[in-house]
Amino acid sequence: MQRSKYSKEFKDSTVQLILNNNESVVKVAADLDLNSQTLYNWISKYKRAHNIPLTASYRASEKEPIEDELKRLRRENKILKQERDILKKATAYFAKETL
């Protein structure tokens, strides 16, 4: 298996830039000198990992009903809080190791 030359943080931040800021995949790919198909793959993997429907379009957020948006945002918020808590625990653990 080939090891990726891009970190998970880089991939996630790139995908979030596309999803949250309505950036074009082709434009971001060109700016970062990446193949656009690579970005589409990253987006699919990110959505699967975060339980986001693959068919969800964030470009037409006006068309998303308020109730659906609220459910989606609450789900994302819950996931982000869990990730934050894990990072806090890991930071405390590694800080204790260095002392």
PDB file of N, CA and C in Angstrom:
ATOM      1  N   MET A   1       0.840  -1.180   0.000  1.00  0.00           N
ATOM      2  CA  MET A   1       0.000   0.000   0.000  1.00  0.00           C
ATOM      3  C   MET A   1       0.885   1.244   0.000  1.00  0.00           C
ATOM      4  N   GLN A   2       0.581   2.170  -0.849  1.00  0.00           N
ATOM      5  CA  GLN A   2       1.364   3.390  -0.947  1.00  0.00           C
ATOM      6  C   GLN A   2       0.991   4.347   0.170  1.00  0.00           C
ATOM      7  N   ARG A   3       1.998   4.930   0.801  1.00  0.00           N
ATOM      8  CA  ARG A   3       1.773   5.887   1.879  1.00  0.00           C
ATOM      9  C   ARG A   3       1.470   7.254   1.279  1.00  0.00           C
ATOM     10  N   SER A   4       0.444   7.899   1.781  1.00  0.00           N
ATOM     11  CA  SER A   4       0.027   9.202   1.259  1.00  0.00           C
ATOM     12  C   SER A   4       1.055  10.267   1.610  1.00  0.00           C
ATOM     13  N   LYS A   5       1.292  11.161   0.676  1.00  0.00           N
ATOM     14  CA  LYS A   5       2.226  12.242   0.962  1.00  0.00           C
ATOM     15  C   LYS A   5       1.532  13.441   1.593  1.00  0.00           C
ATOM     16  N   TYR A   6       0.202  13.324   1.791  1.00  0.00           N
ATOM     17  CA  TYR A   6      -0.566  14.388   2.419  1.00  0.00           C
ATOM     18  C   TYR A   6      -1.078  13.911   3.769  1.00  0.00           C
ATOM     19  N   SER A   7      -0.976  14.757   4.770  1.00  0.00           N
ATOM     20  CA  SER A   7      -1.431  14.386   6.106  1.00  0.00           C
ATOM     21  C   SER A   7      -2.953  14.392   6.173  1.00  0.00           C
ATOM     22  N   LYS A   8      -3.477  13.699   7.163  1.00  0.00           N
ATOM     23  CA  LYS A   8      -4.925  13.665   7.377  1.00  0.00           C
ATOM     24  C   LYS A   8      -5.443  15.075   7.651  1.00  0.00           C
ATOM     25  N   GLU A   9      -4.692  15.865   8.405  1.00  0.00           N
ATOM     26  CA  GLU A   9      -5.110  17.231   8.714  1.00  0.00           C
ATOM     27  C   GLU A   9      -5.220  18.076   7.443  1.00  0.00           C
ATOM     28  N   PHE A  10      -4.254  17.905   6.531  1.00  0.00           N
ATOM     29  CA  PHE A  10      -4.286  18.645   5.278  1.00  0.00           C
ATOM     30  C   PHE A  10      -5.510  18.253   4.463  1.00  0.00           C
ATOM     31  N   LYS A  11      -5.753  16.943   4.366  1.00  0.00           N
ATOM     32  CA  LYS A  11      -6.906  16.461   3.603  1.00  0.00           C
ATOM     33  C   LYS A  11      -8.210  16.990   4.202  1.00  0.00           C
ATOM     34  N   ASP A  12      -8.347  16.874   5.537  1.00  0.00           N
ATOM     35  CA  ASP A  12      -9.577  17.322   6.193  1.00  0.00           C
ATOM     36  C   ASP A  12      -9.795  18.820   6.031  1.00  0.00           C
ATOM     37  N   SER A  13      -8.740  19.608   6.174  1.00  0.00           N
ATOM     38  CA  SER A  13      -8.911  21.056   6.044  1.00  0.00           C
ATOM     39  C   SER A  13      -9.255  21.446   4.606  1.00  0.00           C
ATOM     40  N   THR A  14      -8.696  20.722   3.642  1.00  0.00           N
ATOM     41  CA  THR A  14      -9.021  20.994   2.241  1.00  0.00           C
ATOM     42  C   THR A  14     -10.483  20.665   1.954  1.00  0.00           C
ATOM     43  N   VAL A  15     -10.941  19.516   2.460  1.00  0.00           N
ATOM     44  CA  VAL A  15     -12.339  19.118   2.257  1.00  0.00           C
ATOM     45  C   VAL A  15     -13.276  20.108   2.948  1.00  0.00           C
ATOM     46  N   GLN A  16     -12.935  20.523   4.155  1.00  0.00           N
ATOM     47  CA  GLN A  16     -13.774  21.481   4.872  1.00  0.00           C
ATOM     48  C   GLN A  16     -13.821  22.820   4.146  1.00  0.00           C
ATOM     49  N   LEU A  17     -12.723  23.226   3.545  1.00  0.00           N
ATOM     50  CA  LEU A  17     -12.707  24.454   2.748  1.00  0.00           C
ATOM     51  C   LEU A  17     -13.723  24.354   1.612  1.00  0.00           C
ATOM     52  N   ILE A  18     -13.750  23.223   0.964  1.00  0.00           N
ATOM     53  CA  ILE A  18     -14.673  23.028  -0.158  1.00  0.00           C
ATOM     54  C   ILE A  18     -16.120  22.985   0.327  1.00  0.00           C
ATOM     55  N   LEU A  19     -16.378  22.209   1.382  1.00  0.00           N
ATOM     56  CA  LEU A  19     -17.749  22.030   1.857  1.00  0.00           C
ATOM     57  C   LEU A  19     -18.307  23.270   2.541  1.00  0.00           C
ATOM     58  N   ASN A  20     -17.508  23.902   3.376  1.00  0.00           N
ATOM     59  CA  ASN A  20     -18.009  25.012   4.190  1.00  0.00           C
ATOM     60  C   ASN A  20     -17.998  26.353   3.476  1.00  0.00           C
ATOM     61  N   ASN A  21     -17.091  26.532   2.534  1.00  0.00           N
ATOM     62  CA  ASN A  21     -16.952  27.838   1.888  1.00  0.00           C
ATOM     63  C   ASN A  21     -17.444  27.847   0.454  1.00  0.00           C
ATOM     64  N   ASN A  22     -18.120  26.769   0.055  1.00  0.00           N
ATOM     65  CA  ASN A  22     -18.656  26.684  -1.308  1.00  0.00           C
ATOM     66  C   ASN A  22     -17.589  26.928  -2.373  1.00  0.00           C
ATOM     67  N   GLU A  23     -16.398  26.423  -2.111  1.00  0.00           N
ATOM     68  CA  GLU A  23     -15.320  26.553  -3.091  1.00  0.00           C
ATOM     69  C   GLU A  23     -15.470  25.471  -4.154  1.00  0.00           C
ATOM     70  N   SER A  24     -15.053  25.766  -5.340  1.00  0.00           N
ATOM     71  CA  SER A  24     -15.088  24.808  -6.435  1.00  0.00           C
ATOM     72  C   SER A  24     -13.959  23.797  -6.260  1.00  0.00           C
ATOM     73  N   VAL A  25     -14.283  22.526  -6.457  1.00  0.00           N
ATOM     74  CA  VAL A  25     -13.274  21.473  -6.334  1.00  0.00           C
ATOM     75  C   VAL A  25     -12.174  21.681  -7.367  1.00  0.00           C
ATOM     76  N   VAL A  26     -12.558  22.010  -8.572  1.00  0.00           N
ATOM     77  CA  VAL A  26     -11.587  22.212  -9.645  1.00  0.00           C
ATOM     78  C   VAL A  26     -10.665  23.380  -9.325  1.00  0.00           C
ATOM     79  N   LYS A  27     -11.229  24.474  -8.784  1.00  0.00           N
ATOM     80  CA  LYS A  27     -10.420  25.653  -8.445  1.00  0.00           C
ATOM     81  C   LYS A  27      -9.439  25.335  -7.319  1.00  0.00           C
ATOM     82  N   VAL A  28      -9.912  24.665  -6.271  1.00  0.00           N
ATOM     83  CA  VAL A  28      -9.040  24.314  -5.149  1.00  0.00           C
ATOM     84  C   VAL A  28      -7.955  23.354  -5.616  1.00  0.00           C
ATOM     85  N   ALA A  29      -8.328  22.391  -6.457  1.00  0.00           N
ATOM     86  CA  ALA A  29      -7.345  21.441  -6.983  1.00  0.00           C
ATOM     87  C   ALA A  29      -6.256  22.167  -7.767  1.00  0.00           C
ATOM     88  N   ALA A  30      -6.657  23.129  -8.581  1.00  0.00           N
ATOM     89  CA  ALA A  30      -5.682  23.889  -9.363  1.00  0.00           C
ATOM     90  C   ALA A  30      -4.789  24.731  -8.445  1.00  0.00           C
ATOM     91  N   ASP A  31      -5.382  25.353  -7.421  1.00  0.00           N
ATOM     92  CA  ASP A  31      -4.617  26.182  -6.493  1.00  0.00           C
ATOM     93  C   ASP A  31      -3.585  25.364  -5.724  1.00  0.00           C
ATOM     94  N   LEU A  32      -3.942  24.123  -5.382  1.00  0.00           N
ATOM     95  CA  LEU A  32      -3.053  23.276  -4.589  1.00  0.00           C
ATOM     96  C   LEU A  32      -2.225  22.325  -5.446  1.00  0.00           C
ATOM     97  N   ASP A  33      -2.364  22.447  -6.760  1.00  0.00           N
ATOM     98  CA  ASP A  33      -1.641  21.596  -7.700  1.00  0.00           C
ATOM     99  C   ASP A  33      -1.949  20.112  -7.449  1.00  0.00           C
ATOM    100  N   LEU A  34      -3.239  19.833  -7.328  1.00  0.00           N
ATOM    101  CA  LEU A  34      -3.718  18.467  -7.120  1.00  0.00           C
ATOM    102  C   LEU A  34      -4.628  18.071  -8.272  1.00  0.00           C
ATOM    103  N   ASN A  35      -4.796  16.779  -8.437  1.00  0.00           N
ATOM    104  CA  ASN A  35      -5.761  16.268  -9.400  1.00  0.00           C
ATOM    105  C   ASN A  35      -7.150  16.430  -8.790  1.00  0.00           C
ATOM    106  N   SER A  36      -8.097  16.929  -9.564  1.00  0.00           N
ATOM    107  CA  SER A  36      -9.436  17.155  -9.014  1.00  0.00           C
ATOM    108  C   SER A  36     -10.092  15.846  -8.589  1.00  0.00           C
ATOM    109  N   GLN A  37      -9.797  14.737  -9.265  1.00  0.00           N
ATOM    110  CA  GLN A  37     -10.359  13.449  -8.872  1.00  0.00           C
ATOM    111  C   GLN A  37      -9.862  13.044  -7.485  1.00  0.00           C
ATOM    112  N   THR A  38      -8.638  13.410  -7.147  1.00  0.00           N
ATOM    113  CA  THR A  38      -8.101  13.137  -5.818  1.00  0.00           C
ATOM    114  C   THR A  38      -8.944  13.850  -4.764  1.00  0.00           C
ATOM    115  N   LEU A  39      -9.290  15.103  -5.026  1.00  0.00           N
ATOM    116  CA  LEU A  39     -10.122  15.851  -4.090  1.00  0.00           C
ATOM    117  C   LEU A  39     -11.519  15.242  -3.969  1.00  0.00           C
ATOM    118  N   TYR A  40     -12.084  14.805  -5.083  1.00  0.00           N
ATOM    119  CA  TYR A  40     -13.393  14.160  -5.023  1.00  0.00           C
ATOM    120  C   TYR A  40     -13.325  12.896  -4.161  1.00  0.00           C
ATOM    121  N   ASN A  41     -12.236  12.154  -4.272  1.00  0.00           N
ATOM    122  CA  ASN A  41     -12.054  10.962  -3.433  1.00  0.00           C
ATOM    123  C   ASN A  41     -11.951  11.341  -1.958  1.00  0.00           C
ATOM    124  N   TRP A  42     -11.186  12.392  -1.653  1.00  0.00           N
ATOM    125  CA  TRP A  42     -11.052  12.859  -0.271  1.00  0.00           C
ATOM    126  C   TRP A  42     -12.415  13.260   0.293  1.00  0.00           C
ATOM    127  N   ILE A  43     -13.208  13.954  -0.512  1.00  0.00           N
ATOM    128  CA  ILE A  43     -14.534  14.403  -0.070  1.00  0.00           C
ATOM    129  C   ILE A  43     -15.418  13.193   0.235  1.00  0.00           C
ATOM    130  N   SER A  44     -15.405  12.203  -0.641  1.00  0.00           N
ATOM    131  CA  SER A  44     -16.212  11.001  -0.410  1.00  0.00           C
ATOM    132  C   SER A  44     -15.804  10.286   0.873  1.00  0.00           C
ATOM    133  N   LYS A  45     -14.511  10.129   1.081  1.00  0.00           N
ATOM    134  CA  LYS A  45     -14.018   9.466   2.298  1.00  0.00           C
ATOM    135  C   LYS A  45     -14.377  10.272   3.542  1.00  0.00           C
ATOM    136  N   TYR A  46     -14.239  11.590   3.460  1.00  0.00           N
ATOM    137  CA  TYR A  46     -14.564  12.461   4.587  1.00  0.00           C
ATOM    138  C   TYR A  46     -16.044  12.349   4.942  1.00  0.00           C
ATOM    139  N   LYS A  47     -16.896  12.379   3.922  1.00  0.00           N
ATOM    140  CA  LYS A  47     -18.335  12.291   4.162  1.00  0.00           C
ATOM    141  C   LYS A  47     -18.712  10.948   4.768  1.00  0.00           C
ATOM    142  N   ARG A  48     -18.100   9.865   4.273  1.00  0.00           N
ATOM    143  CA  ARG A  48     -18.380   8.554   4.844  1.00  0.00           C
ATOM    144  C   ARG A  48     -17.921   8.475   6.290  1.00  0.00           C
ATOM    145  N   ALA A  49     -16.755   9.028   6.590  1.00  0.00           N
ATOM    146  CA  ALA A  49     -16.201   8.983   7.948  1.00  0.00           C
ATOM    147  C   ALA A  49     -17.023   9.802   8.933  1.00  0.00           C
ATOM    148  N   HIS A  50     -17.668  10.863   8.454  1.00  0.00           N
ATOM    149  CA  HIS A  50     -18.438  11.748   9.325  1.00  0.00           C
ATOM    150  C   HIS A  50     -19.953  11.581   9.153  1.00  0.00           C
ATOM    151  N   ASN A  51     -20.346  10.480   8.527  1.00  0.00           N
ATOM    152  CA  ASN A  51     -21.771  10.163   8.341  1.00  0.00           C
ATOM    153  C   ASN A  51     -22.553  11.288   7.666  1.00  0.00           C
ATOM    154  N   ILE A  52     -21.961  11.894   6.682  1.00  0.00           N
ATOM    155  CA  ILE A  52     -22.625  12.929   5.888  1.00  0.00           C
ATOM    156  C   ILE A  52     -23.105  12.258   4.604  1.00  0.00           C
ATOM    157  N   PRO A  53     -24.367  12.420   4.246  1.00  0.00           N
ATOM    158  CA  PRO A  53     -24.852  11.777   3.018  1.00  0.00           C
ATOM    159  C   PRO A  53     -24.016  12.189   1.814  1.00  0.00           C
ATOM    160  N   LEU A  54     -23.649  11.210   1.000  1.00  0.00           N
ATOM    161  CA  LEU A  54     -22.799  11.479  -0.159  1.00  0.00           C
ATOM    162  C   LEU A  54     -23.500  12.340  -1.197  1.00  0.00           C
ATOM    163  N   THR A  55     -24.819  12.293  -1.219  1.00  0.00           N
ATOM    164  CA  THR A  55     -25.553  13.067  -2.223  1.00  0.00           C
ATOM    165  C   THR A  55     -25.871  14.480  -1.744  1.00  0.00           C
ATOM    166  N   ALA A  56     -25.537  14.785  -0.492  1.00  0.00           N
ATOM    167  CA  ALA A  56     -25.854  16.117   0.041  1.00  0.00           C
ATOM    168  C   ALA A  56     -25.054  17.172  -0.695  1.00  0.00           C
ATOM    169  N   SER A  57     -25.739  18.190  -1.119  1.00  0.00           N
ATOM    170  CA  SER A  57     -25.093  19.302  -1.805  1.00  0.00           C
ATOM    171  C   SER A  57     -25.092  20.511  -0.881  1.00  0.00           C
ATOM    172  N   TYR A  58     -23.922  20.997  -0.559  1.00  0.00           N
ATOM    173  CA  TYR A  58     -23.829  22.145   0.334  1.00  0.00           C
ATOM    174  C   TYR A  58     -23.774  23.450  -0.442  1.00  0.00           C
ATOM    175  N   ARG A  59     -23.805  23.369  -1.742  1.00  0.00           N
ATOM    176  CA  ARG A  59     -23.824  24.580  -2.553  1.00  0.00           C
ATOM    177  C   ARG A  59     -25.212  25.205  -2.571  1.00  0.00           C
ATOM    178  N   ALA A  60     -26.232  24.412  -2.371  1.00  0.00           N
ATOM    179  CA  ALA A  60     -27.608  24.904  -2.425  1.00  0.00           C
ATOM    180  C   ALA A  60     -28.223  24.848  -1.041  1.00  0.00           C
ATOM    181  N   SER A  61     -27.549  25.476  -0.080  1.00  0.00           N
ATOM    182  CA  SER A  61     -28.021  25.392   1.295  1.00  0.00           C
ATOM    183  C   SER A  61     -29.369  26.086   1.471  1.00  0.00           C
ATOM    184  N   GLU A  62     -29.732  27.012   0.557  1.00  0.00           N
ATOM    185  CA  GLU A  62     -31.036  27.661   0.664  1.00  0.00           C
ATOM    186  C   GLU A  62     -32.143  26.646   0.440  1.00  0.00           C
ATOM    187  N   LYS A  63     -31.871  25.593  -0.292  1.00  0.00           N
ATOM    188  CA  LYS A  63     -32.878  24.591  -0.606  1.00  0.00           C
ATOM    189  C   LYS A  63     -33.035  23.580   0.520  1.00  0.00           C
ATOM    190  N   GLU A  64     -32.096  23.550   1.444  1.00  0.00           N
ATOM    191  CA  GLU A  64     -32.160  22.606   2.553  1.00  0.00           C
ATOM    192  C   GLU A  64     -33.147  23.130   3.594  1.00  0.00           C
ATOM    193  N   PRO A  65     -34.142  22.332   3.943  1.00  0.00           N
ATOM    194  CA  PRO A  65     -35.108  22.778   4.951  1.00  0.00           C
ATOM    195  C   PRO A  65     -34.412  23.073   6.287  1.00  0.00           C
ATOM    196  N   ILE A  66     -34.944  24.019   7.005  1.00  0.00           N
ATOM    197  CA  ILE A  66     -34.356  24.450   8.270  1.00  0.00           C
ATOM    198  C   ILE A  66     -34.212  23.279   9.243  1.00  0.00           C
ATOM    199  N   GLU A  67     -35.232  22.432   9.318  1.00  0.00           N
ATOM    200  CA  GLU A  67     -35.190  21.301  10.248  1.00  0.00           C
ATOM    201  C   GLU A  67     -34.065  20.339   9.898  1.00  0.00           C
ATOM    202  N   ASP A  68     -33.876  20.085   8.600  1.00  0.00           N
ATOM    203  CA  ASP A  68     -32.806  19.186   8.156  1.00  0.00           C
ATOM    204  C   ASP A  68     -31.438  19.803   8.442  1.00  0.00           C
ATOM    205  N   GLU A  69     -31.331  21.104   8.198  1.00  0.00           N
ATOM    206  CA  GLU A  69     -30.075  21.787   8.470  1.00  0.00           C
ATOM    207  C   GLU A  69     -29.762  21.737   9.962  1.00  0.00           C
ATOM    208  N   LEU A  70     -30.763  21.955  10.791  1.00  0.00           N
ATOM    209  CA  LEU A  70     -30.567  21.915  12.237  1.00  0.00           C
ATOM    210  C   LEU A  70     -30.108  20.532  12.689  1.00  0.00           C
ATOM    211  N   LYS A  71     -30.741  19.477  12.176  1.00  0.00           N
ATOM    212  CA  LYS A  71     -30.333  18.108  12.508  1.00  0.00           C
ATOM    213  C   LYS A  71     -28.890  17.848  12.076  1.00  0.00           C
ATOM    214  N   ARG A  72     -28.549  18.280  10.859  1.00  0.00           N
ATOM    215  CA  ARG A  72     -27.201  18.078  10.335  1.00  0.00           C
ATOM    216  C   ARG A  72     -26.167  18.816  11.185  1.00  0.00           C
ATOM    217  N   LEU A  73     -26.478  20.055  11.524  1.00  0.00           N
ATOM    218  CA  LEU A  73     -25.539  20.852  12.311  1.00  0.00           C
ATOM    219  C   LEU A  73     -25.377  20.298  13.729  1.00  0.00           C
ATOM    220  N   ARG A  74     -26.458  19.815  14.313  1.00  0.00           N
ATOM    221  CA  ARG A  74     -26.356  19.207  15.646  1.00  0.00           C
ATOM    222  C   ARG A  74     -25.503  17.947  15.596  1.00  0.00           C
ATOM    223  N   ARG A  75     -25.682  17.145  14.553  1.00  0.00           N
ATOM    224  CA  ARG A  75     -24.876  15.933  14.393  1.00  0.00           C
ATOM    225  C   ARG A  75     -23.397  16.293  14.225  1.00  0.00           C
ATOM    226  N   GLU A  76     -23.095  17.281  13.387  1.00  0.00           N
ATOM    227  CA  GLU A  76     -21.721  17.713  13.190  1.00  0.00           C
ATOM    228  C   GLU A  76     -21.138  18.280  14.484  1.00  0.00           C
ATOM    229  N   ASN A  77     -21.948  19.039  15.224  1.00  0.00           N
ATOM    230  CA  ASN A  77     -21.504  19.628  16.482  1.00  0.00           C
ATOM    231  C   ASN A  77     -21.149  18.534  17.489  1.00  0.00           C
ATOM    232  N   LYS A  78     -21.971  17.493  17.553  1.00  0.00           N
ATOM    233  CA  LYS A  78     -21.709  16.379  18.465  1.00  0.00           C
ATOM    234  C   LYS A  78     -20.389  15.701  18.115  1.00  0.00           C
ATOM    235  N   ILE A  79     -20.161  15.473  16.827  1.00  0.00           N
ATOM    236  CA  ILE A  79     -18.922  14.839  16.381  1.00  0.00           C
ATOM    237  C   ILE A  79     -17.722  15.717  16.720  1.00  0.00           C
ATOM    238  N   LEU A  80     -17.843  17.008  16.476  1.00  0.00           N
ATOM    239  CA  LEU A  80     -16.737  17.927  16.762  1.00  0.00           C
ATOM    240  C   LEU A  80     -16.423  17.979  18.248  1.00  0.00           C
ATOM    241  N   LYS A  81     -17.450  17.950  19.096  1.00  0.00           N
ATOM    242  CA  LYS A  81     -17.223  17.938  20.537  1.00  0.00           C
ATOM    243  C   LYS A  81     -16.504  16.666  20.966  1.00  0.00           C
ATOM    244  N   GLN A  82     -16.881  15.534  20.384  1.00  0.00           N
ATOM    245  CA  GLN A  82     -16.217  14.280  20.697  1.00  0.00           C
ATOM    246  C   GLN A  82     -14.750  14.322  20.285  1.00  0.00           C
ATOM    247  N   GLU A  83     -14.482  14.854  19.089  1.00  0.00           N
ATOM    248  CA  GLU A  83     -13.107  14.970  18.617  1.00  0.00           C
ATOM    249  C   GLU A  83     -12.301  15.888  19.530  1.00  0.00           C
ATOM    250  N   ARG A  84     -12.905  17.004  19.943  1.00  0.00           N
ATOM    251  CA  ARG A  84     -12.231  17.938  20.845  1.00  0.00           C
ATOM    252  C   ARG A  84     -11.881  17.273  22.164  1.00  0.00           C
ATOM    253  N   ASP A  85     -12.834  16.533  22.724  1.00  0.00           N
ATOM    254  CA  ASP A  85     -12.599  15.864  24.004  1.00  0.00           C
ATOM    255  C   ASP A  85     -11.484  14.832  23.899  1.00  0.00           C
ATOM    256  N   ILE A  86     -11.443  14.108  22.802  1.00  0.00           N
ATOM    257  CA  ILE A  86     -10.370  13.127  22.587  1.00  0.00           C
ATOM    258  C   ILE A  86      -9.026  13.833  22.526  1.00  0.00           C
ATOM    259  N   LEU A  87      -8.969  14.957  21.822  1.00  0.00           N
ATOM    260  CA  LEU A  87      -7.716  15.699  21.708  1.00  0.00           C
ATOM    261  C   LEU A  87      -7.279  16.268  23.059  1.00  0.00           C
ATOM    262  N   LYS A  88      -8.221  16.719  23.867  1.00  0.00           N
ATOM    263  CA  LYS A  88      -7.888  17.224  25.201  1.00  0.00           C
ATOM    264  C   LYS A  88      -7.264  16.121  26.045  1.00  0.00           C
ATOM    265  N   LYS A  89      -7.873  14.933  26.002  1.00  0.00           N
ATOM    266  CA  LYS A  89      -7.355  13.809  26.772  1.00  0.00           C
ATOM    267  C   LYS A  89      -5.966  13.405  26.282  1.00  0.00           C
ATOM    268  N   ALA A  90      -5.785  13.383  24.973  1.00  0.00           N
ATOM    269  CA  ALA A  90      -4.480  13.022  24.411  1.00  0.00           C
ATOM    270  C   ALA A  90      -3.428  14.048  24.796  1.00  0.00           C
ATOM    271  N   THR A  91      -3.789  15.316  24.774  1.00  0.00           N
ATOM    272  CA  THR A  91      -2.853  16.374  25.155  1.00  0.00           C
ATOM    273  C   THR A  91      -2.441  16.224  26.613  1.00  0.00           C
ATOM    274  N   ALA A  92      -3.396  15.973  27.470  1.00  0.00           N
ATOM    275  CA  ALA A  92      -3.091  15.791  28.897  1.00  0.00           C
ATOM    276  C   ALA A  92      -2.206  14.573  29.098  1.00  0.00           C
ATOM    277  N   TYR A  93      -2.478  13.493  28.387  1.00  0.00           N
ATOM    278  CA  TYR A  93      -1.688  12.271  28.515  1.00  0.00           C
ATOM    279  C   TYR A  93      -0.243  12.518  28.100  1.00  0.00           C
ATOM    280  N   PHE A  94      -0.053  13.161  26.943  1.00  0.00           N
ATOM    281  CA  PHE A  94       1.304  13.377  26.462  1.00  0.00           C
ATOM    282  C   PHE A  94       2.037  14.445  27.277  1.00  0.00           C
ATOM    283  N   ALA A  95       1.306  15.398  27.816  1.00  0.00           N
ATOM    284  CA  ALA A  95       1.936  16.402  28.693  1.00  0.00           C
ATOM    285  C   ALA A  95       2.440  15.711  29.961  1.00  0.00           C
ATOM    286  N   LYS A  96       1.691  14.759  30.474  1.00  0.00           N
ATOM    287  CA  LYS A  96       2.088  14.025  31.656  1.00  0.00           C
ATOM    288  C   LYS A  96       3.326  13.174  31.369  1.00  0.00           C
ATOM    289  N   GLU A  97       3.419  12.626  30.177  1.00  0.00           N
ATOM    290  CA  GLU A  97       4.553  11.785  29.768  1.00  0.00           C
ATOM    291  C   GLU A  97       5.860  12.573  29.730  1.00  0.00           C
ATOM    292  N   THR A  98       5.794  13.849  29.363  1.00  0.00           N
ATOM    293  CA  THR A  98       7.018  14.653  29.208  1.00  0.00           C
ATOM    294  C   THR A  98       7.536  15.179  30.527  1.00  0.00           C
ATOM    295  N   LEU A  99       6.723  15.150  31.567  1.00  0.00           N
ATOM    296  CA  LEU A  99       7.148  15.673  32.875  1.00  0.00           C
ATOM    297  C   LEU A  99       7.957  14.706  33.632  1.00  0.00           C
TER     298      LEU A  99
END
